Amino acid sequence: MPTNYHFEGVALQALANAAKNATQFRQPYQQGQYTNEPAFWLVKDCGVYLINAHPNPEGSELPLTANCTEELEHIDLMGDDYIEHIPVSRAELDGLADGKKGLMVSLTSKHVVCGVYKM
């Protein structure tokens, strides 16, 4: 059974806008490895949220974050902490940045699937 997370709103718009201007995106668990394909990181630790996969914007020490829209109860029962690479296209970034679209990430024990949806 998949676990679905939805991301919308001002924080996602800021994350997408910053990604639109980035040219390098990091791969999780691979220090120094970059790609030019846009992506976010889905992080599960004390919550579930997206952070920027690109280096932090100029003047920012902390990553940009967007929390999922669902209330997550029993987050500590969901297993180990992890980071997943969530690729997005440049066209999808445009829709996310203008606030007309949201992002859904679906996780199973073997797959990560993501999609952009109209709001």
N, C-alpha and C. Protein backbone atom coordinates (compact mmCIF):
# COMPACT_ATOMS: atom_id res chain seq x y z
N MET A 1 0.85 -1.19 0.00
CA MET A 1 0.00 0.00 0.00
C MET A 1 0.89 1.24 0.00
N PRO A 2 0.71 2.15 -0.96
CA PRO A 2 1.57 3.34 -1.01
C PRO A 2 1.21 4.36 0.06
N THR A 3 2.19 5.15 0.42
CA THR A 3 2.00 6.31 1.27
C THR A 3 2.12 7.53 0.39
N ASN A 4 1.10 8.39 0.40
CA ASN A 4 1.08 9.56 -0.46
C ASN A 4 1.28 10.84 0.35
N TYR A 5 2.09 11.73 -0.17
CA TYR A 5 2.33 13.03 0.43
C TYR A 5 2.00 14.10 -0.61
N HIS A 6 1.30 15.15 -0.20
CA HIS A 6 0.94 16.26 -1.08
C HIS A 6 1.63 17.53 -0.59
N PHE A 7 2.12 18.30 -1.54
CA PHE A 7 2.82 19.55 -1.23
C PHE A 7 2.19 20.66 -2.07
N GLU A 8 1.83 21.76 -1.40
CA GLU A 8 1.20 22.91 -2.05
C GLU A 8 1.57 24.16 -1.28
N GLY A 9 1.27 25.31 -1.87
CA GLY A 9 1.34 26.56 -1.13
C GLY A 9 2.59 27.37 -1.35
N VAL A 10 2.69 28.42 -0.54
CA VAL A 10 3.73 29.44 -0.67
C VAL A 10 5.14 28.84 -0.52
N ALA A 11 5.33 27.93 0.43
CA ALA A 11 6.66 27.35 0.62
C ALA A 11 7.09 26.53 -0.60
N LEU A 12 6.15 25.79 -1.19
CA LEU A 12 6.47 25.03 -2.40
C LEU A 12 6.77 25.98 -3.55
N GLN A 13 6.03 27.08 -3.65
CA GLN A 13 6.28 28.06 -4.69
C GLN A 13 7.70 28.63 -4.56
N ALA A 14 8.13 28.96 -3.36
CA ALA A 14 9.47 29.50 -3.15
C ALA A 14 10.53 28.46 -3.51
N LEU A 15 10.29 27.21 -3.13
CA LEU A 15 11.22 26.13 -3.45
C LEU A 15 11.32 25.96 -4.96
N ALA A 16 10.19 25.96 -5.66
CA ALA A 16 10.18 25.80 -7.12
C ALA A 16 10.84 27.00 -7.81
N ASN A 17 10.57 28.21 -7.34
CA ASN A 17 11.19 29.40 -7.93
C ASN A 17 12.71 29.36 -7.80
N ALA A 18 13.20 28.95 -6.66
CA ALA A 18 14.65 28.85 -6.47
C ALA A 18 15.23 27.77 -7.37
N ALA A 19 14.52 26.66 -7.53
CA ALA A 19 15.00 25.57 -8.38
C ALA A 19 15.04 25.99 -9.85
N LYS A 20 14.10 26.85 -10.24
CA LYS A 20 14.08 27.32 -11.63
C LYS A 20 15.37 28.04 -12.00
N ASN A 21 15.98 28.70 -11.04
CA ASN A 21 17.19 29.47 -11.29
C ASN A 21 18.47 28.67 -11.09
N ALA A 22 18.35 27.46 -10.59
CA ALA A 22 19.52 26.63 -10.29
C ALA A 22 19.96 25.83 -11.53
N THR A 23 21.24 25.53 -11.58
CA THR A 23 21.78 24.74 -12.69
C THR A 23 22.42 23.44 -12.21
N GLN A 24 22.63 23.31 -10.91
CA GLN A 24 23.22 22.09 -10.36
C GLN A 24 22.32 21.55 -9.26
N PHE A 25 22.07 20.25 -9.29
CA PHE A 25 21.23 19.58 -8.31
C PHE A 25 21.99 18.39 -7.75
N ARG A 26 22.04 18.30 -6.43
CA ARG A 26 22.79 17.25 -5.75
C ARG A 26 22.04 15.92 -5.76
N GLN A 27 22.79 14.85 -5.68
CA GLN A 27 22.24 13.51 -5.50
C GLN A 27 22.38 13.16 -4.02
N PRO A 28 21.32 12.63 -3.38
CA PRO A 28 21.47 12.27 -1.96
C PRO A 28 22.47 11.12 -1.78
N TYR A 29 23.19 11.18 -0.70
CA TYR A 29 24.15 10.13 -0.31
C TYR A 29 25.33 10.02 -1.28
N GLN A 30 25.51 10.98 -2.16
CA GLN A 30 26.62 10.97 -3.12
C GLN A 30 27.29 12.33 -3.10
N GLN A 31 28.12 12.56 -2.11
CA GLN A 31 28.74 13.86 -1.93
C GLN A 31 29.52 14.26 -3.19
N GLY A 32 29.29 15.49 -3.62
CA GLY A 32 29.99 16.02 -4.77
C GLY A 32 29.42 15.59 -6.11
N GLN A 33 28.34 14.83 -6.12
CA GLN A 33 27.70 14.38 -7.37
C GLN A 33 26.56 15.33 -7.71
N TYR A 34 26.60 15.89 -8.92
CA TYR A 34 25.57 16.83 -9.36
C TYR A 34 25.02 16.42 -10.71
N THR A 35 23.81 16.87 -10.98
CA THR A 35 23.18 16.72 -12.28
C THR A 35 22.57 18.06 -12.65
N ASN A 36 22.28 18.27 -13.91
CA ASN A 36 21.61 19.51 -14.29
C ASN A 36 20.10 19.33 -14.39
N GLU A 37 19.61 18.13 -14.07
CA GLU A 37 18.18 17.83 -14.07
C GLU A 37 17.55 18.31 -12.76
N PRO A 38 16.52 19.17 -12.83
CA PRO A 38 15.91 19.70 -11.61
C PRO A 38 15.35 18.60 -10.71
N ALA A 39 15.44 18.84 -9.41
CA ALA A 39 14.95 17.87 -8.43
C ALA A 39 14.78 18.55 -7.08
N PHE A 40 13.97 17.91 -6.25
CA PHE A 40 13.87 18.22 -4.83
C PHE A 40 14.33 16.98 -4.08
N TRP A 41 14.50 17.12 -2.78
CA TRP A 41 14.71 15.96 -1.92
C TRP A 41 13.50 15.82 -1.01
N LEU A 42 12.96 14.62 -0.92
CA LEU A 42 11.93 14.30 0.06
C LEU A 42 12.67 13.77 1.28
N VAL A 43 12.46 14.40 2.42
CA VAL A 43 13.16 14.02 3.65
C VAL A 43 12.14 13.50 4.65
N LYS A 44 12.47 12.38 5.27
CA LYS A 44 11.66 11.86 6.37
C LYS A 44 12.58 11.76 7.57
N ASP A 45 12.34 12.55 8.59
CA ASP A 45 13.04 12.42 9.87
C ASP A 45 12.00 12.65 10.96
N CYS A 46 11.98 13.82 11.58
CA CYS A 46 10.94 14.09 12.58
C CYS A 46 9.65 14.55 11.92
N GLY A 47 9.61 14.60 10.62
CA GLY A 47 8.45 14.95 9.81
C GLY A 47 8.74 14.51 8.39
N VAL A 48 7.89 14.91 7.47
CA VAL A 48 8.11 14.64 6.05
C VAL A 48 8.00 15.97 5.32
N TYR A 49 9.03 16.30 4.56
CA TYR A 49 9.06 17.59 3.89
C TYR A 49 9.98 17.52 2.67
N LEU A 50 9.86 18.52 1.80
CA LEU A 50 10.75 18.68 0.66
C LEU A 50 11.81 19.72 1.02
N ILE A 51 13.02 19.52 0.53
CA ILE A 51 14.06 20.55 0.62
C ILE A 51 14.69 20.71 -0.76
N ASN A 52 15.42 21.80 -0.92
CA ASN A 52 16.10 22.04 -2.19
C ASN A 52 17.23 21.05 -2.40
N ALA A 53 17.30 20.50 -3.61
CA ALA A 53 18.42 19.63 -3.99
C ALA A 53 19.56 20.45 -4.56
N HIS A 54 19.28 21.69 -4.94
CA HIS A 54 20.34 22.57 -5.42
C HIS A 54 21.05 23.21 -4.22
N PRO A 55 22.28 23.66 -4.43
CA PRO A 55 22.96 24.34 -3.32
C PRO A 55 22.11 25.49 -2.79
N ASN A 56 22.24 25.78 -1.52
CA ASN A 56 21.43 26.83 -0.90
C ASN A 56 21.57 28.16 -1.65
N PRO A 57 20.46 28.87 -1.78
CA PRO A 57 20.52 30.18 -2.45
C PRO A 57 21.49 31.11 -1.74
N GLU A 58 22.05 32.04 -2.49
CA GLU A 58 22.99 33.03 -1.96
C GLU A 58 22.45 33.67 -0.69
N GLY A 59 23.26 33.68 0.35
CA GLY A 59 22.87 34.31 1.60
C GLY A 59 22.04 33.44 2.53
N SER A 60 21.75 32.21 2.14
CA SER A 60 20.94 31.32 2.97
C SER A 60 21.79 30.17 3.49
N GLU A 61 21.82 30.00 4.80
CA GLU A 61 22.56 28.89 5.39
C GLU A 61 21.70 27.65 5.52
N LEU A 62 20.39 27.84 5.64
CA LEU A 62 19.47 26.72 5.82
C LEU A 62 18.80 26.38 4.50
N PRO A 63 18.43 25.11 4.31
CA PRO A 63 17.74 24.75 3.06
C PRO A 63 16.33 25.34 3.03
N LEU A 64 15.80 25.48 1.83
CA LEU A 64 14.40 25.85 1.65
C LEU A 64 13.57 24.61 1.94
N THR A 65 12.44 24.75 2.59
CA THR A 65 11.62 23.59 2.92
C THR A 65 10.16 23.84 2.56
N ALA A 66 9.46 22.74 2.28
CA ALA A 66 8.01 22.76 2.06
C ALA A 66 7.44 21.53 2.77
N ASN A 67 6.58 21.75 3.74
CA ASN A 67 5.98 20.64 4.48
C ASN A 67 4.81 20.06 3.70
N CYS A 68 4.55 18.77 3.94
CA CYS A 68 3.39 18.15 3.28
C CYS A 68 2.11 18.69 3.91
N THR A 69 1.03 18.65 3.15
CA THR A 69 -0.22 19.26 3.59
C THR A 69 -0.98 18.40 4.58
N GLU A 70 -0.69 17.10 4.65
CA GLU A 70 -1.41 16.21 5.55
C GLU A 70 -0.89 16.32 6.98
N GLU A 71 -1.79 16.09 7.93
CA GLU A 71 -1.37 15.94 9.32
C GLU A 71 -0.80 14.54 9.46
N LEU A 72 0.45 14.44 9.86
CA LEU A 72 1.09 13.13 9.96
C LEU A 72 1.15 12.70 11.42
N GLU A 73 0.33 11.75 11.77
CA GLU A 73 0.35 11.20 13.11
C GLU A 73 1.25 9.97 13.11
N HIS A 74 1.89 9.71 14.20
CA HIS A 74 2.72 8.52 14.36
C HIS A 74 3.87 8.48 13.35
N ILE A 75 4.48 9.63 13.07
CA ILE A 75 5.57 9.69 12.10
C ILE A 75 6.72 8.77 12.49
N ASP A 76 6.94 8.58 13.78
CA ASP A 76 8.04 7.72 14.22
C ASP A 76 7.75 6.24 13.95
N LEU A 77 6.52 5.89 13.64
CA LEU A 77 6.19 4.50 13.32
C LEU A 77 6.43 4.18 11.84
N MET A 78 6.85 5.16 11.07
CA MET A 78 7.00 4.98 9.64
C MET A 78 8.38 4.46 9.24
N GLY A 79 9.18 4.00 10.17
CA GLY A 79 10.47 3.42 9.83
C GLY A 79 11.62 4.41 9.93
N ASP A 80 12.73 3.99 9.36
CA ASP A 80 13.96 4.76 9.43
C ASP A 80 13.86 6.10 8.70
N ASP A 81 14.77 6.99 9.05
CA ASP A 81 14.87 8.27 8.36
C ASP A 81 15.49 8.03 6.98
N TYR A 82 15.12 8.87 6.00
CA TYR A 82 15.66 8.71 4.67
C TYR A 82 15.54 10.00 3.88
N ILE A 83 16.23 10.03 2.74
CA ILE A 83 16.11 11.10 1.75
C ILE A 83 15.88 10.43 0.41
N GLU A 84 14.90 10.93 -0.35
CA GLU A 84 14.63 10.42 -1.69
C GLU A 84 14.78 11.56 -2.69
N HIS A 85 15.38 11.26 -3.82
CA HIS A 85 15.56 12.21 -4.92
C HIS A 85 14.26 12.27 -5.72
N ILE A 86 13.68 13.46 -5.84
CA ILE A 86 12.40 13.65 -6.53
C ILE A 86 12.63 14.52 -7.77
N PRO A 87 12.76 13.90 -8.95
CA PRO A 87 12.98 14.69 -10.15
C PRO A 87 11.73 15.44 -10.58
N VAL A 88 11.91 16.64 -11.10
CA VAL A 88 10.82 17.44 -11.66
C VAL A 88 11.34 18.07 -12.95
N SER A 89 10.47 18.26 -13.90
CA SER A 89 10.89 18.88 -15.16
C SER A 89 10.87 20.40 -15.01
N ARG A 90 11.50 21.09 -15.94
CA ARG A 90 11.47 22.56 -15.93
C ARG A 90 10.04 23.05 -16.12
N ALA A 91 9.26 22.38 -16.97
CA ALA A 91 7.85 22.77 -17.18
C ALA A 91 7.05 22.58 -15.89
N GLU A 92 7.30 21.49 -15.16
CA GLU A 92 6.59 21.27 -13.89
C GLU A 92 6.96 22.33 -12.87
N LEU A 93 8.22 22.76 -12.86
CA LEU A 93 8.64 23.83 -11.95
C LEU A 93 7.85 25.09 -12.19
N ASP A 94 7.58 25.41 -13.46
CA ASP A 94 6.79 26.61 -13.77
C ASP A 94 5.42 26.54 -13.12
N GLY A 95 4.73 25.41 -13.24
CA GLY A 95 3.40 25.25 -12.65
C GLY A 95 3.43 25.28 -11.13
N LEU A 96 4.47 24.71 -10.54
CA LEU A 96 4.60 24.73 -9.08
C LEU A 96 4.92 26.14 -8.59
N ALA A 97 5.76 26.83 -9.33
CA ALA A 97 6.19 28.17 -8.91
C ALA A 97 5.05 29.19 -8.98
N ASP A 98 4.13 29.03 -9.93
CA ASP A 98 3.03 29.99 -10.04
C ASP A 98 1.86 29.66 -9.12
N GLY A 99 1.96 28.56 -8.37
CA GLY A 99 0.94 28.21 -7.39
C GLY A 99 -0.30 27.56 -7.95
N LYS A 100 -0.30 27.25 -9.24
CA LYS A 100 -1.47 26.63 -9.86
C LYS A 100 -1.43 25.11 -9.80
N LYS A 101 -0.29 24.57 -9.36
CA LYS A 101 -0.14 23.13 -9.28
C LYS A 101 0.48 22.74 -7.95
N GLY A 102 0.25 21.49 -7.57
CA GLY A 102 0.84 20.90 -6.38
C GLY A 102 1.64 19.67 -6.78
N LEU A 103 2.36 19.11 -5.84
CA LEU A 103 3.18 17.93 -6.09
C LEU A 103 2.74 16.81 -5.16
N MET A 104 2.52 15.63 -5.73
CA MET A 104 2.19 14.44 -4.94
C MET A 104 3.35 13.46 -5.08
N VAL A 105 3.80 12.93 -3.95
CA VAL A 105 4.85 11.90 -3.94
C VAL A 105 4.23 10.67 -3.30
N SER A 106 4.34 9.54 -4.01
CA SER A 106 3.80 8.27 -3.54
C SER A 106 4.96 7.31 -3.30
N LEU A 107 5.03 6.74 -2.10
CA LEU A 107 6.12 5.83 -1.74
C LEU A 107 5.59 4.45 -1.44
N THR A 108 6.29 3.44 -1.94
CA THR A 108 6.09 2.06 -1.51
C THR A 108 7.45 1.59 -1.02
N SER A 109 7.54 0.36 -0.59
CA SER A 109 8.82 -0.14 -0.11
C SER A 109 9.84 -0.27 -1.24
N LYS A 110 9.39 -0.24 -2.50
CA LYS A 110 10.31 -0.43 -3.62
C LYS A 110 10.33 0.72 -4.64
N HIS A 111 9.34 1.61 -4.59
CA HIS A 111 9.22 2.63 -5.63
C HIS A 111 8.88 4.00 -5.06
N VAL A 112 9.34 5.01 -5.77
CA VAL A 112 8.95 6.40 -5.51
C VAL A 112 8.36 6.93 -6.82
N VAL A 113 7.13 7.39 -6.77
CA VAL A 113 6.46 7.95 -7.93
C VAL A 113 5.99 9.35 -7.57
N CYS A 114 6.20 10.30 -8.46
CA CYS A 114 5.72 11.65 -8.17
C CYS A 114 4.99 12.20 -9.38
N GLY A 115 4.12 13.14 -9.12
CA GLY A 115 3.36 13.76 -10.17
C GLY A 115 2.88 15.13 -9.75
N VAL A 116 2.70 15.99 -10.74
CA VAL A 116 2.21 17.33 -10.53
C VAL A 116 0.72 17.32 -10.85
N TYR A 117 -0.08 18.00 -10.04
CA TYR A 117 -1.53 18.05 -10.26
C TYR A 117 -2.03 19.48 -10.21
N LYS A 118 -3.13 19.74 -10.91
CA LYS A 118 -3.76 21.06 -10.90
C LYS A 118 -4.50 21.25 -9.59
N MET A 119 -4.48 22.47 -9.09
CA MET A 119 -5.20 22.76 -7.85
C MET A 119 -6.49 23.48 -8.15
